[in-house]
């Protein structure tokens, strides 16, 4: 086995839908969302020989029902891949798909694999976060973790407590900007290029999901100021500065640089390094700070060398804490230029690849940018970060 560079060949996703009975995926199975995305990925990459895929890794946070039964294997079979192609499932909560990418990428990097598929799915309407879990009582009885740490919204409120300068007004402004940037990206046709339509069934008949369902381009600061704070009376976290509950799936193809060149595959990004880190579960949102530093240190890079950031907007305050730490302005144009999860939604284990899809598409139009970062906070006090290099880089600033 010879070490090789790992390239992000391509990534696609389903449109993201609102979770719950009123959402467009209420009668759609989670595994069928993955299958739709996987078929779409392979159809638009015909140079990938299905029999050459070494593994399929699909993440889900709640691995039960139609999100259970070793999703990577079942999705591969349902998508028509040869039965010789293995698969598995994994869980790192919000960073599931990100971990699927780094795990498959690591196998490619050491030469064990040539091509792999990585992705994630979450049907939060069918499988609410924490459904049927049984936390070890020692977490609470021995005070290893505060009971509040199991509620992601409360962990976001704690960030506001710890950093009073991260005001509700700043969070609302960031949430509004996300909505407006997503709408601008839609108007420019940036987002739609990587969406795989999904067949739908409802009481009205059959339909097709072609766009993200949760966008609210008419959002205003005045409207955001009036929203209730569900996690704490007179709190700061609202539906306007946090990601909504969402259903959706993502998948990506990764390959060694040698294999990609041999098969004539595209290379939208090259993996540079990655890092995962733990923090206090009570302030889960700080996780991307140490995980990003790990990735930067491994790559021998500084934060100033990162030209594009795709930061998952689980909560606006979580992104703001990251930006403040690294001295980056709230409205820095390098950060989430096409908006993020506050507008698009955050289907937990699927979101990591959504960040990568957007970064890869932005790289195509930014030959002045050499490095980009995808980063996210993770439940129970973790962070995940992946650094990527732009193959279109032509130098300059």
Foldseek 3Di string as FASTA:
>chain_A
DAFFWKFFQAKFKAFKWFAAPPIQCPVPFFLLRQLLRVLVVCVVFVLDDLVQAAEEEEEEADADDSNHDFSRQVSCVVNPRPNVYYYGYDHQWQAQQVVQVVVVRVCQRRPNGFKHKTFYWFRCNVPPPPPPDDDDCCCPVVVVADPLLSPVLQLLLVLCVVPVVLALLLLLVLLLVLLQLQVVCVVVVLRQVRHRKDWGQDPVGIDIRRHHHQRDNVDDSVVSVPFARVPDHVTRFGLSFAFGAITMMMMTMMGGPVSCVVSVTHGLWIWQFKFKDFDRSSNLLQAQQVRVVVRCVVNVHDPVLAQAEEEARRGSSSVVVNCVVNVHDSVPCRYPSNHHRSRRGRSRSRVQVVSVNSVSSVLVVCLQHFKHKYKYGTRNGMIMMIMIGGPSHDYDD
